[in-house]
Amino acid sequence: MKRLIVDIYRIVFRLTGVKLFALIFALVYMTALNIIMIYGLGLLTKDWLSFMAIIPKLFSFPYYFVTSIAVLGITFWLMPSFQSIAKEGKKESSPLALILYTVFSLMLFMYIRMGDKIF
């Protein structure tokens, strides 16, 4: 996840030139992808694993605020330091991992929204 945050930061910083905006955008974007992955995998595995049935309940009305803040906090806690992100952001690398993680998240999102129509 650290590598993905650095890739997001690098892309946004090159587009905008604003370090703080790029850092906040990377944090929020990674949190959104993580929330989609947690919810989607929870829905997919709730029939296999009985304890995963709690995941859809965590994303119901009064609890999704707390769940979103918890995922944001965990993402922030696992994020590398600001200096490390800025230093790594100057290096060249391929954003393939970011693209794949985004595509998998979008596939899960589409399954969540249209799973009954597709299957």
PDB file of N, CA and C in Angstrom:
ATOM      1  N   MET A   1       0.818  -1.180   0.000  1.00  0.00           N
ATOM      2  CA  MET A   1       0.000   0.000   0.000  1.00  0.00           C
ATOM      3  C   MET A   1       0.872   1.257   0.000  1.00  0.00           C
ATOM      4  N   LYS A   2       2.028   1.180   0.610  1.00  0.00           N
ATOM      5  CA  LYS A   2       2.923   2.340   0.631  1.00  0.00           C
ATOM      6  C   LYS A   2       3.345   2.727  -0.782  1.00  0.00           C
ATOM      7  N   ARG A   3       3.623   1.737  -1.571  1.00  0.00           N
ATOM      8  CA  ARG A   3       4.043   1.988  -2.951  1.00  0.00           C
ATOM      9  C   ARG A   3       2.914   2.631  -3.755  1.00  0.00           C
ATOM     10  N   LEU A   4       1.692   2.190  -3.519  1.00  0.00           N
ATOM     11  CA  LEU A   4       0.548   2.753  -4.232  1.00  0.00           C
ATOM     12  C   LEU A   4       0.333   4.213  -3.852  1.00  0.00           C
ATOM     13  N   ILE A   5       0.494   4.539  -2.571  1.00  0.00           N
ATOM     14  CA  ILE A   5       0.345   5.925  -2.131  1.00  0.00           C
ATOM     15  C   ILE A   5       1.398   6.809  -2.794  1.00  0.00           C
ATOM     16  N   VAL A   6       2.625   6.304  -2.876  1.00  0.00           N
ATOM     17  CA  VAL A   6       3.693   7.080  -3.520  1.00  0.00           C
ATOM     18  C   VAL A   6       3.392   7.273  -5.006  1.00  0.00           C
ATOM     19  N   ASP A   7       2.865   6.249  -5.664  1.00  0.00           N
ATOM     20  CA  ASP A   7       2.515   6.384  -7.082  1.00  0.00           C
ATOM     21  C   ASP A   7       1.405   7.415  -7.298  1.00  0.00           C
ATOM     22  N   ILE A   8       0.388   7.391  -6.433  1.00  0.00           N
ATOM     23  CA  ILE A   8      -0.694   8.374  -6.538  1.00  0.00           C
ATOM     24  C   ILE A   8      -0.141   9.779  -6.304  1.00  0.00           C
ATOM     25  N   TYR A   9       0.691   9.901  -5.276  1.00  0.00           N
ATOM     26  CA  TYR A   9       1.296  11.207  -4.975  1.00  0.00           C
ATOM     27  C   TYR A   9       2.094  11.724  -6.169  1.00  0.00           C
ATOM     28  N   ARG A  10       2.872  10.857  -6.766  1.00  0.00           N
ATOM     29  CA  ARG A  10       3.709  11.256  -7.890  1.00  0.00           C
ATOM     30  C   ARG A  10       2.869  11.760  -9.059  1.00  0.00           C
ATOM     31  N   ILE A  11       1.810  11.044  -9.377  1.00  0.00           N
ATOM     32  CA  ILE A  11       0.962  11.431 -10.507  1.00  0.00           C
ATOM     33  C   ILE A  11       0.268  12.761 -10.238  1.00  0.00           C
ATOM     34  N   VAL A  12      -0.315  12.909  -9.052  1.00  0.00           N
ATOM     35  CA  VAL A  12      -1.052  14.141  -8.743  1.00  0.00           C
ATOM     36  C   VAL A  12      -0.092  15.317  -8.611  1.00  0.00           C
ATOM     37  N   PHE A  13       1.084  15.096  -8.022  1.00  0.00           N
ATOM     38  CA  PHE A  13       2.043  16.185  -7.875  1.00  0.00           C
ATOM     39  C   PHE A  13       2.542  16.671  -9.233  1.00  0.00           C
ATOM     40  N   ARG A  14       2.732  15.758 -10.164  1.00  0.00           N
ATOM     41  CA  ARG A  14       3.167  16.171 -11.506  1.00  0.00           C
ATOM     42  C   ARG A  14       2.073  16.951 -12.229  1.00  0.00           C
ATOM     43  N   LEU A  15       0.811  16.625 -11.945  1.00  0.00           N
ATOM     44  CA  LEU A  15      -0.288  17.346 -12.595  1.00  0.00           C
ATOM     45  C   LEU A  15      -0.540  18.716 -11.981  1.00  0.00           C
ATOM     46  N   THR A  16      -0.445  18.802 -10.643  1.00  0.00           N
ATOM     47  CA  THR A  16      -0.815  20.047  -9.971  1.00  0.00           C
ATOM     48  C   THR A  16       0.370  20.861  -9.486  1.00  0.00           C
ATOM     49  N   GLY A  17       1.431  20.209  -9.042  1.00  0.00           N
ATOM     50  CA  GLY A  17       2.576  20.914  -8.486  1.00  0.00           C
ATOM     51  C   GLY A  17       2.413  21.307  -7.033  1.00  0.00           C
ATOM     52  N   VAL A  18       1.334  20.871  -6.384  1.00  0.00           N
ATOM     53  CA  VAL A  18       1.056  21.211  -4.984  1.00  0.00           C
ATOM     54  C   VAL A  18       1.251  19.956  -4.136  1.00  0.00           C
ATOM     55  N   LYS A  19       2.222  20.010  -3.225  1.00  0.00           N
ATOM     56  CA  LYS A  19       2.560  18.830  -2.431  1.00  0.00           C
ATOM     57  C   LYS A  19       1.440  18.424  -1.475  1.00  0.00           C
ATOM     58  N   LEU A  20       0.856  19.389  -0.762  1.00  0.00           N
ATOM     59  CA  LEU A  20      -0.172  19.067   0.227  1.00  0.00           C
ATOM     60  C   LEU A  20      -1.408  18.475  -0.432  1.00  0.00           C
ATOM     61  N   PHE A  21      -1.834  19.065  -1.547  1.00  0.00           N
ATOM     62  CA  PHE A  21      -2.993  18.531  -2.258  1.00  0.00           C
ATOM     63  C   PHE A  21      -2.720  17.116  -2.757  1.00  0.00           C
ATOM     64  N   ALA A  22      -1.522  16.890  -3.287  1.00  0.00           N
ATOM     65  CA  ALA A  22      -1.170  15.560  -3.792  1.00  0.00           C
ATOM     66  C   ALA A  22      -1.162  14.539  -2.660  1.00  0.00           C
ATOM     67  N   LEU A  23      -0.679  14.936  -1.500  1.00  0.00           N
ATOM     68  CA  LEU A  23      -0.640  14.020  -0.357  1.00  0.00           C
ATOM     69  C   LEU A  23      -2.036  13.695   0.150  1.00  0.00           C
ATOM     70  N   ILE A  24      -2.875  14.711   0.282  1.00  0.00           N
ATOM     71  CA  ILE A  24      -4.247  14.481   0.750  1.00  0.00           C
ATOM     72  C   ILE A  24      -5.032  13.675  -0.273  1.00  0.00           C
ATOM     73  N   PHE A  25      -4.860  13.977  -1.547  1.00  0.00           N
ATOM     74  CA  PHE A  25      -5.552  13.217  -2.590  1.00  0.00           C
ATOM     75  C   PHE A  25      -5.120  11.755  -2.572  1.00  0.00           C
ATOM     76  N   ALA A  26      -3.830  11.500  -2.399  1.00  0.00           N
ATOM     77  CA  ALA A  26      -3.336  10.126  -2.348  1.00  0.00           C
ATOM     78  C   ALA A  26      -3.944   9.381  -1.167  1.00  0.00           C
ATOM     79  N   LEU A  27      -4.035  10.051  -0.024  1.00  0.00           N
ATOM     80  CA  LEU A  27      -4.615   9.418   1.165  1.00  0.00           C
ATOM     81  C   LEU A  27      -6.095   9.108   0.964  1.00  0.00           C
ATOM     82  N   VAL A  28      -6.841  10.059   0.442  1.00  0.00           N
ATOM     83  CA  VAL A  28      -8.282   9.862   0.241  1.00  0.00           C
ATOM     84  C   VAL A  28      -8.552   8.822  -0.848  1.00  0.00           C
ATOM     85  N   TYR A  29      -7.797   8.875  -1.934  1.00  0.00           N
ATOM     86  CA  TYR A  29      -7.986   7.914  -3.032  1.00  0.00           C
ATOM     87  C   TYR A  29      -7.683   6.491  -2.562  1.00  0.00           C
ATOM     88  N   MET A  30      -6.600   6.329  -1.813  1.00  0.00           N
ATOM     89  CA  MET A  30      -6.245   5.003  -1.315  1.00  0.00           C
ATOM     90  C   MET A  30      -7.271   4.506  -0.305  1.00  0.00           C
ATOM     91  N   THR A  31      -7.799   5.406   0.513  1.00  0.00           N
ATOM     92  CA  THR A  31      -8.842   5.029   1.465  1.00  0.00           C
ATOM     93  C   THR A  31     -10.102   4.576   0.732  1.00  0.00           C
ATOM     94  N   ALA A  32     -10.479   5.285  -0.317  1.00  0.00           N
ATOM     95  CA  ALA A  32     -11.669   4.904  -1.083  1.00  0.00           C
ATOM     96  C   ALA A  32     -11.488   3.530  -1.736  1.00  0.00           C
ATOM     97  N   LEU A  33     -10.315   3.289  -2.302  1.00  0.00           N
ATOM     98  CA  LEU A  33     -10.065   1.968  -2.904  1.00  0.00           C
ATOM     99  C   LEU A  33     -10.078   0.867  -1.845  1.00  0.00           C
ATOM    100  N   ASN A  34      -9.515   1.146  -0.683  1.00  0.00           N
ATOM    101  CA  ASN A  34      -9.514   0.146   0.385  1.00  0.00           C
ATOM    102  C   ASN A  34     -10.924  -0.144   0.889  1.00  0.00           C
ATOM    103  N   ILE A  35     -11.749   0.890   0.999  1.00  0.00           N
ATOM    104  CA  ILE A  35     -13.136   0.680   1.436  1.00  0.00           C
ATOM    105  C   ILE A  35     -13.892  -0.174   0.429  1.00  0.00           C
ATOM    106  N   ILE A  36     -13.711   0.107  -0.854  1.00  0.00           N
ATOM    107  CA  ILE A  36     -14.375  -0.694  -1.891  1.00  0.00           C
ATOM    108  C   ILE A  36     -13.897  -2.142  -1.831  1.00  0.00           C
ATOM    109  N   MET A  37     -12.596  -2.347  -1.651  1.00  0.00           N
ATOM    110  CA  MET A  37     -12.067  -3.713  -1.586  1.00  0.00           C
ATOM    111  C   MET A  37     -12.578  -4.458  -0.358  1.00  0.00           C
ATOM    112  N   ILE A  38     -12.601  -3.802   0.784  1.00  0.00           N
ATOM    113  CA  ILE A  38     -13.079  -4.453   2.011  1.00  0.00           C
ATOM    114  C   ILE A  38     -14.546  -4.833   1.871  1.00  0.00           C
ATOM    115  N   TYR A  39     -15.363  -3.908   1.400  1.00  0.00           N
ATOM    116  CA  TYR A  39     -16.785  -4.176   1.254  1.00  0.00           C
ATOM    117  C   TYR A  39     -17.045  -5.253   0.200  1.00  0.00           C
ATOM    118  N   GLY A  40     -16.368  -5.158  -0.928  1.00  0.00           N
ATOM    119  CA  GLY A  40     -16.569  -6.149  -1.991  1.00  0.00           C
ATOM    120  C   GLY A  40     -16.127  -7.539  -1.589  1.00  0.00           C
ATOM    121  N   LEU A  41     -14.955  -7.640  -0.973  1.00  0.00           N
ATOM    122  CA  LEU A  41     -14.492  -8.955  -0.525  1.00  0.00           C
ATOM    123  C   LEU A  41     -15.348  -9.496   0.619  1.00  0.00           C
ATOM    124  N   GLY A  42     -15.865  -8.592   1.437  1.00  0.00           N
ATOM    125  CA  GLY A  42     -16.779  -9.023   2.492  1.00  0.00           C
ATOM    126  C   GLY A  42     -18.066  -9.605   1.926  1.00  0.00           C
ATOM    127  N   LEU A  43     -18.592  -8.971   0.881  1.00  0.00           N
ATOM    128  CA  LEU A  43     -19.796  -9.500   0.231  1.00  0.00           C
ATOM    129  C   LEU A  43     -19.536 -10.825  -0.475  1.00  0.00           C
ATOM    130  N   LEU A  44     -18.369 -10.933  -1.104  1.00  0.00           N
ATOM    131  CA  LEU A  44     -18.054 -12.165  -1.827  1.00  0.00           C
ATOM    132  C   LEU A  44     -17.831 -13.355  -0.902  1.00  0.00           C
ATOM    133  N   THR A  45     -17.279 -13.110   0.268  1.00  0.00           N
ATOM    134  CA  THR A  45     -16.915 -14.220   1.152  1.00  0.00           C
ATOM    135  C   THR A  45     -17.850 -14.407   2.339  1.00  0.00           C
ATOM    136  N   LYS A  46     -18.959 -13.667   2.406  1.00  0.00           N
ATOM    137  CA  LYS A  46     -19.835 -13.802   3.572  1.00  0.00           C
ATOM    138  C   LYS A  46     -20.513 -15.172   3.648  1.00  0.00           C
ATOM    139  N   ASP A  47     -20.674 -15.842   2.519  1.00  0.00           N
ATOM    140  CA  ASP A  47     -21.258 -17.184   2.547  1.00  0.00           C
ATOM    141  C   ASP A  47     -20.220 -18.246   2.898  1.00  0.00           C
ATOM    142  N   TRP A  48     -18.968 -18.012   2.577  1.00  0.00           N
ATOM    143  CA  TRP A  48     -17.900 -18.964   2.875  1.00  0.00           C
ATOM    144  C   TRP A  48     -17.469 -18.900   4.328  1.00  0.00           C
ATOM    145  N   LEU A  49     -17.235 -17.693   4.788  1.00  0.00           N
ATOM    146  CA  LEU A  49     -16.738 -17.480   6.144  1.00  0.00           C
ATOM    147  C   LEU A  49     -17.817 -16.770   6.952  1.00  0.00           C
ATOM    148  N   SER A  50     -18.233 -17.392   8.034  1.00  0.00           N
ATOM    149  CA  SER A  50     -19.364 -16.846   8.786  1.00  0.00           C
ATOM    150  C   SER A  50     -19.043 -15.500   9.429  1.00  0.00           C
ATOM    151  N   PHE A  51     -17.793 -15.273   9.827  1.00  0.00           N
ATOM    152  CA  PHE A  51     -17.456 -14.010  10.483  1.00  0.00           C
ATOM    153  C   PHE A  51     -17.430 -12.841   9.509  1.00  0.00           C
ATOM    154  N   MET A  52     -17.408 -13.107   8.217  1.00  0.00           N
ATOM    155  CA  MET A  52     -17.412 -12.027   7.226  1.00  0.00           C
ATOM    156  C   MET A  52     -18.799 -11.415   7.048  1.00  0.00           C
ATOM    157  N   ALA A  53     -19.809 -12.008   7.653  1.00  0.00           N
ATOM    158  CA  ALA A  53     -21.156 -11.441   7.572  1.00  0.00           C
ATOM    159  C   ALA A  53     -21.243 -10.106   8.297  1.00  0.00           C
ATOM    160  N   ILE A  54     -20.271  -9.802   9.130  1.00  0.00           N
ATOM    161  CA  ILE A  54     -20.267  -8.515   9.839  1.00  0.00           C
ATOM    162  C   ILE A  54     -19.866  -7.363   8.929  1.00  0.00           C
ATOM    163  N   ILE A  55     -19.146  -7.646   7.850  1.00  0.00           N
ATOM    164  CA  ILE A  55     -18.667  -6.594   6.952  1.00  0.00           C
ATOM    165  C   ILE A  55     -19.822  -5.793   6.345  1.00  0.00           C
ATOM    166  N   PRO A  56     -20.864  -6.408   5.773  1.00  0.00           N
ATOM    167  CA  PRO A  56     -21.971  -5.586   5.251  1.00  0.00           C
ATOM    168  C   PRO A  56     -22.670  -4.780   6.342  1.00  0.00           C
ATOM    169  N   LYS A  57     -22.674  -5.286   7.564  1.00  0.00           N
ATOM    170  CA  LYS A  57     -23.289  -4.536   8.662  1.00  0.00           C
ATOM    171  C   LYS A  57     -22.469  -3.295   9.010  1.00  0.00           C
ATOM    172  N   LEU A  58     -21.151  -3.394   8.859  1.00  0.00           N
ATOM    173  CA  LEU A  58     -20.301  -2.234   9.147  1.00  0.00           C
ATOM    174  C   LEU A  58     -20.495  -1.114   8.137  1.00  0.00           C
ATOM    175  N   PHE A  59     -21.028  -1.438   6.976  1.00  0.00           N
ATOM    176  CA  PHE A  59     -21.253  -0.428   5.946  1.00  0.00           C
ATOM    177  C   PHE A  59     -22.722  -0.036   5.837  1.00  0.00           C
ATOM    178  N   SER A  60     -23.520  -0.307   6.859  1.00  0.00           N
ATOM    179  CA  SER A  60     -24.897   0.161   6.901  1.00  0.00           C
ATOM    180  C   SER A  60     -24.934   1.562   7.511  1.00  0.00           C
ATOM    181  N   PHE A  61     -26.119   2.203   7.556  1.00  0.00           N
ATOM    182  CA  PHE A  61     -26.212   3.635   7.809  1.00  0.00           C
ATOM    183  C   PHE A  61     -25.437   4.193   9.007  1.00  0.00           C
ATOM    184  N   PRO A  62     -25.731   3.855  10.209  1.00  0.00           N
ATOM    185  CA  PRO A  62     -25.021   4.628  11.241  1.00  0.00           C
ATOM    186  C   PRO A  62     -23.556   4.236  11.393  1.00  0.00           C
ATOM    187  N   TYR A  63     -23.178   3.068  10.887  1.00  0.00           N
ATOM    188  CA  TYR A  63     -21.826   2.576  11.138  1.00  0.00           C
ATOM    189  C   TYR A  63     -20.815   2.952  10.054  1.00  0.00           C
ATOM    190  N   TYR A  64     -21.264   3.336   8.864  1.00  0.00           N
ATOM    191  CA  TYR A  64     -20.287   3.560   7.797  1.00  0.00           C
ATOM    192  C   TYR A  64     -19.436   4.804   8.027  1.00  0.00           C
ATOM    193  N   PHE A  65     -19.915   5.738   8.845  1.00  0.00           N
ATOM    194  CA  PHE A  65     -19.059   6.871   9.201  1.00  0.00           C
ATOM    195  C   PHE A  65     -17.855   6.402  10.015  1.00  0.00           C
ATOM    196  N   VAL A  66     -18.138   5.568  10.999  1.00  0.00           N
ATOM    197  CA  VAL A  66     -17.069   5.050  11.859  1.00  0.00           C
ATOM    198  C   VAL A  66     -16.140   4.140  11.059  1.00  0.00           C
ATOM    199  N   THR A  67     -16.690   3.321  10.183  1.00  0.00           N
ATOM    200  CA  THR A  67     -15.881   2.435   9.359  1.00  0.00           C
ATOM    201  C   THR A  67     -14.981   3.233   8.417  1.00  0.00           C
ATOM    202  N   SER A  68     -15.532   4.265   7.805  1.00  0.00           N
ATOM    203  CA  SER A  68     -14.730   5.093   6.890  1.00  0.00           C
ATOM    204  C   SER A  68     -13.610   5.815   7.632  1.00  0.00           C
ATOM    205  N   ILE A  69     -13.908   6.343   8.797  1.00  0.00           N
ATOM    206  CA  ILE A  69     -12.875   7.029   9.583  1.00  0.00           C
ATOM    207  C   ILE A  69     -11.820   6.040  10.049  1.00  0.00           C
ATOM    208  N   ALA A  70     -12.239   4.820  10.406  1.00  0.00           N
ATOM    209  CA  ALA A  70     -11.271   3.800  10.823  1.00  0.00           C
ATOM    210  C   ALA A  70     -10.345   3.406   9.668  1.00  0.00           C
ATOM    211  N   VAL A  71     -10.903   3.225   8.481  1.00  0.00           N
ATOM    212  CA  VAL A  71     -10.075   2.872   7.320  1.00  0.00           C
ATOM    213  C   VAL A  71      -9.150   4.029   6.958  1.00  0.00           C
ATOM    214  N   LEU A  72      -9.641   5.260   7.052  1.00  0.00           N
ATOM    215  CA  LEU A  72      -8.798   6.429   6.805  1.00  0.00           C
ATOM    216  C   LEU A  72      -7.651   6.487   7.813  1.00  0.00           C
ATOM    217  N   GLY A  73      -7.951   6.227   9.076  1.00  0.00           N
ATOM    218  CA  GLY A  73      -6.911   6.228  10.107  1.00  0.00           C
ATOM    219  C   GLY A  73      -5.876   5.135   9.898  1.00  0.00           C
ATOM    220  N   ILE A  74      -6.319   3.954   9.521  1.00  0.00           N
ATOM    221  CA  ILE A  74      -5.382   2.854   9.268  1.00  0.00           C
ATOM    222  C   ILE A  74      -4.520   3.159   8.048  1.00  0.00           C
ATOM    223  N   THR A  75      -5.123   3.721   7.009  1.00  0.00           N
ATOM    224  CA  THR A  75      -4.354   4.089   5.817  1.00  0.00           C
ATOM    225  C   THR A  75      -3.328   5.167   6.160  1.00  0.00           C
ATOM    226  N   PHE A  76      -3.727   6.153   6.965  1.00  0.00           N
ATOM    227  CA  PHE A  76      -2.795   7.206   7.368  1.00  0.00           C
ATOM    228  C   PHE A  76      -1.665   6.629   8.226  1.00  0.00           C
ATOM    229  N   TRP A  77      -2.006   5.685   9.089  1.00  0.00           N
ATOM    230  CA  TRP A  77      -1.005   5.069   9.968  1.00  0.00           C
ATOM    231  C   TRP A  77       0.006   4.253   9.166  1.00  0.00           C
ATOM    232  N   LEU A  78      -0.448   3.574   8.116  1.00  0.00           N
ATOM    233  CA  LEU A  78       0.436   2.755   7.293  1.00  0.00           C
ATOM    234  C   LEU A  78       1.171   3.550   6.220  1.00  0.00           C
ATOM    235  N   MET A  79       0.788   4.802   6.040  1.00  0.00           N
ATOM    236  CA  MET A  79       1.401   5.645   5.028  1.00  0.00           C
ATOM    237  C   MET A  79       2.832   6.002   5.439  1.00  0.00           C
ATOM    238  N   PRO A  80       3.762   6.026   4.482  1.00  0.00           N
ATOM    239  CA  PRO A  80       5.126   6.443   4.822  1.00  0.00           C
ATOM    240  C   PRO A  80       5.168   7.917   5.222  1.00  0.00           C
ATOM    241  N   SER A  81       6.269   8.342   5.779  1.00  0.00           N
ATOM    242  CA  SER A  81       6.388   9.736   6.226  1.00  0.00           C
ATOM    243  C   SER A  81       6.347  10.686   5.032  1.00  0.00           C
ATOM    244  N   PHE A  82       6.047  11.949   5.313  1.00  0.00           N
ATOM    245  CA  PHE A  82       5.920  12.937   4.248  1.00  0.00           C
ATOM    246  C   PHE A  82       7.240  13.125   3.499  1.00  0.00           C
ATOM    247  N   GLN A  83       8.340  13.128   4.238  1.00  0.00           N
ATOM    248  CA  GLN A  83       9.646  13.289   3.602  1.00  0.00           C
ATOM    249  C   GLN A  83       9.958  12.097   2.702  1.00  0.00           C
ATOM    250  N   SER A  84       9.604  10.905   3.166  1.00  0.00           N
ATOM    251  CA  SER A  84       9.842   9.697   2.376  1.00  0.00           C
ATOM    252  C   SER A  84       8.993   9.702   1.101  1.00  0.00           C
ATOM    253  N   ILE A  85       7.763  10.148   1.229  1.00  0.00           N
ATOM    254  CA  ILE A  85       6.893  10.219   0.050  1.00  0.00           C
ATOM    255  C   ILE A  85       7.441  11.225  -0.961  1.00  0.00           C
ATOM    256  N   ALA A  86       7.867  12.387  -0.466  1.00  0.00           N
ATOM    257  CA  ALA A  86       8.405  13.409  -1.370  1.00  0.00           C
ATOM    258  C   ALA A  86       9.688  12.928  -2.043  1.00  0.00           C
ATOM    259  N   LYS A  87      10.526  12.204  -1.292  1.00  0.00           N
ATOM    260  CA  LYS A  87      11.775  11.694  -1.860  1.00  0.00           C
ATOM    261  C   LYS A  87      11.496  10.604  -2.891  1.00  0.00           C
ATOM    262  N   GLU A  88      10.600   9.685  -2.561  1.00  0.00           N
ATOM    263  CA  GLU A  88      10.251   8.605  -3.489  1.00  0.00           C
ATOM    264  C   GLU A  88       9.472   9.133  -4.685  1.00  0.00           C
ATOM    265  N   GLY A  89       8.733  10.219  -4.497  1.00  0.00           N
ATOM    266  CA  GLY A  89       7.949  10.786  -5.589  1.00  0.00           C
ATOM    267  C   GLY A  89       8.791  11.338  -6.718  1.00  0.00           C
ATOM    268  N   LYS A  90      10.050  11.634  -6.444  1.00  0.00           N
ATOM    269  CA  LYS A  90      10.940  12.161  -7.485  1.00  0.00           C
ATOM    270  C   LYS A  90      11.515  11.066  -8.368  1.00  0.00           C
ATOM    271  N   LYS A  91      11.486   9.832  -7.891  1.00  0.00           N
ATOM    272  CA  LYS A  91      12.036   8.718  -8.665  1.00  0.00           C
ATOM    273  C   LYS A  91      11.038   8.274  -9.727  1.00  0.00           C
ATOM    274  N   GLU A  92      11.560   7.677 -10.773  1.00  0.00           N
ATOM    275  CA  GLU A  92      10.722   7.138 -11.842  1.00  0.00           C
ATOM    276  C   GLU A  92      10.367   5.684 -11.545  1.00  0.00           C
ATOM    277  N   SER A  93       9.114   5.336 -11.790  1.00  0.00           N
ATOM    278  CA  SER A  93       8.687   3.946 -11.684  1.00  0.00           C
ATOM    279  C   SER A  93       7.404   3.767 -12.486  1.00  0.00           C
ATOM    280  N   SER A  94       7.007   2.546 -12.627  1.00  0.00           N
ATOM    281  CA  SER A  94       5.809   2.233 -13.392  1.00  0.00           C
ATOM    282  C   SER A  94       4.593   2.194 -12.463  1.00  0.00           C
ATOM    283  N   PRO A  95       3.502   2.855 -12.832  1.00  0.00           N
ATOM    284  CA  PRO A  95       2.297   2.825 -11.996  1.00  0.00           C
ATOM    285  C   PRO A  95       1.405   1.617 -12.270  1.00  0.00           C
ATOM    286  N   LEU A  96       1.996   0.508 -12.696  1.00  0.00           N
ATOM    287  CA  LEU A  96       1.215  -0.676 -13.043  1.00  0.00           C
ATOM    288  C   LEU A  96       0.446  -1.223 -11.842  1.00  0.00           C
ATOM    289  N   ALA A  97       1.069  -1.249 -10.676  1.00  0.00           N
ATOM    290  CA  ALA A  97       0.389  -1.756  -9.483  1.00  0.00           C
ATOM    291  C   ALA A  97      -0.819  -0.895  -9.134  1.00  0.00           C
ATOM    292  N   LEU A  98      -0.683   0.400  -9.264  1.00  0.00           N
ATOM    293  CA  LEU A  98      -1.800   1.312  -8.996  1.00  0.00           C
ATOM    294  C   LEU A  98      -2.931   1.081  -9.992  1.00  0.00           C
ATOM    295  N   ILE A  99      -2.594   0.910 -11.241  1.00  0.00           N
ATOM    296  CA  ILE A  99      -3.618   0.674 -12.261  1.00  0.00           C
ATOM    297  C   ILE A  99      -4.345  -0.642 -11.996  1.00  0.00           C
ATOM    298  N   LEU A 100      -3.607  -1.688 -11.663  1.00  0.00           N
ATOM    299  CA  LEU A 100      -4.236  -2.981 -11.388  1.00  0.00           C
ATOM    300  C   LEU A 100      -5.135  -2.925 -10.159  1.00  0.00           C
ATOM    301  N   TYR A 101      -4.666  -2.273  -9.085  1.00  0.00           N
ATOM    302  CA  TYR A 101      -5.472  -2.168  -7.872  1.00  0.00           C
ATOM    303  C   TYR A 101      -6.746  -1.364  -8.141  1.00  0.00           C
ATOM    304  N   THR A 102      -6.640  -0.319  -8.943  1.00  0.00           N
ATOM    305  CA  THR A 102      -7.811   0.473  -9.297  1.00  0.00           C
ATOM    306  C   THR A 102      -8.787  -0.340 -10.143  1.00  0.00           C
ATOM    307  N   VAL A 103      -8.263  -1.111 -11.088  1.00  0.00           N
ATOM    308  CA  VAL A 103      -9.133  -1.942 -11.935  1.00  0.00           C
ATOM    309  C   VAL A 103      -9.836  -3.012 -11.106  1.00  0.00           C
ATOM    310  N   PHE A 104      -9.115  -3.661 -10.189  1.00  0.00           N
ATOM    311  CA  PHE A 104      -9.754  -4.665  -9.327  1.00  0.00           C
ATOM    312  C   PHE A 104     -10.818  -4.024  -8.443  1.00  0.00           C
ATOM    313  N   SER A 105     -10.552  -2.831  -7.946  1.00  0.00           N
ATOM    314  CA  SER A 105     -11.544  -2.127  -7.127  1.00  0.00           C
ATOM    315  C   SER A 105     -12.778  -1.767  -7.956  1.00  0.00           C
ATOM    316  N   LEU A 106     -12.560  -1.318  -9.178  1.00  0.00           N
ATOM    317  CA  LEU A 106     -13.693  -1.003 -10.051  1.00  0.00           C
ATOM    318  C   LEU A 106     -14.497  -2.247 -10.410  1.00  0.00           C
ATOM    319  N   MET A 107     -13.814  -3.363 -10.614  1.00  0.00           N
ATOM    320  CA  MET A 107     -14.524  -4.615 -10.891  1.00  0.00           C
ATOM    321  C   MET A 107     -15.377  -5.027  -9.695  1.00  0.00           C
ATOM    322  N   LEU A 108     -14.836  -4.907  -8.494  1.00  0.00           N
ATOM    323  CA  LEU A 108     -15.623  -5.223  -7.301  1.00  0.00           C
ATOM    324  C   LEU A 108     -16.782  -4.249  -7.137  1.00  0.00           C
ATOM    325  N   PHE A 109     -16.549  -2.976  -7.422  1.00  0.00           N
ATOM    326  CA  PHE A 109     -17.614  -1.988  -7.328  1.00  0.00           C
ATOM    327  C   PHE A 109     -18.731  -2.313  -8.310  1.00  0.00           C
ATOM    328  N   MET A 110     -18.368  -2.673  -9.529  1.00  0.00           N
ATOM    329  CA  MET A 110     -19.389  -3.036 -10.514  1.00  0.00           C
ATOM    330  C   MET A 110     -20.127  -4.309 -10.101  1.00  0.00           C
ATOM    331  N   TYR A 111     -19.425  -5.246  -9.484  1.00  0.00           N
ATOM    332  CA  TYR A 111     -20.087  -6.456  -9.002  1.00  0.00           C
ATOM    333  C   TYR A 111     -21.058  -6.121  -7.874  1.00  0.00           C
ATOM    334  N   ILE A 112     -20.663  -5.206  -6.990  1.00  0.00           N
ATOM    335  CA  ILE A 112     -21.533  -4.820  -5.893  1.00  0.00           C
ATOM    336  C   ILE A 112     -22.805  -4.190  -6.443  1.00  0.00           C
ATOM    337  N   ARG A 113     -22.665  -3.313  -7.421  1.00  0.00           N
ATOM    338  CA  ARG A 113     -23.809  -2.586  -7.973  1.00  0.00           C
ATOM    339  C   ARG A 113     -24.654  -3.428  -8.926  1.00  0.00           C
ATOM    340  N   MET A 114     -24.029  -4.271  -9.733  1.00  0.00           N
ATOM    341  CA  MET A 114     -24.750  -4.978 -10.793  1.00  0.00           C
ATOM    342  C   MET A 114     -24.554  -6.476 -10.745  1.00  0.00           C
ATOM    343  N   GLY A 115     -24.216  -7.025  -9.605  1.00  0.00           N
ATOM    344  CA  GLY A 115     -23.956  -8.461  -9.506  1.00  0.00           C
ATOM    345  C   GLY A 115     -25.171  -9.310  -9.829  1.00  0.00           C
ATOM    346  N   ASP A 116     -26.348  -8.851  -9.437  1.00  0.00           N
ATOM    347  CA  ASP A 116     -27.550  -9.631  -9.717  1.00  0.00           C
ATOM    348  C   ASP A 116     -27.935  -9.572 -11.194  1.00  0.00           C
ATOM    349  N   LYS A 117     -27.571  -8.519 -11.888  1.00  0.00           N
ATOM    350  CA  LYS A 117     -27.902  -8.388 -13.313  1.00  0.00           C
ATOM    351  C   LYS A 117     -26.895  -9.139 -14.188  1.00  0.00           C
ATOM    352  N   ILE A 118     -25.648  -9.190 -13.734  1.00  0.00           N
ATOM    353  CA  ILE A 118     -24.611  -9.864 -14.511  1.00  0.00           C
ATOM    354  C   ILE A 118     -24.717 -11.372 -14.352  1.00  0.00           C
ATOM    355  N   PHE A 119     -24.892 -11.810 -13.126  1.00  0.00           N
ATOM    356  CA  PHE A 119     -24.939 -13.246 -12.863  1.00  0.00           C
ATOM    357  C   PHE A 119     -26.344 -13.644 -12.620  1.00  0.00           C
TER     358      PHE A 119
END
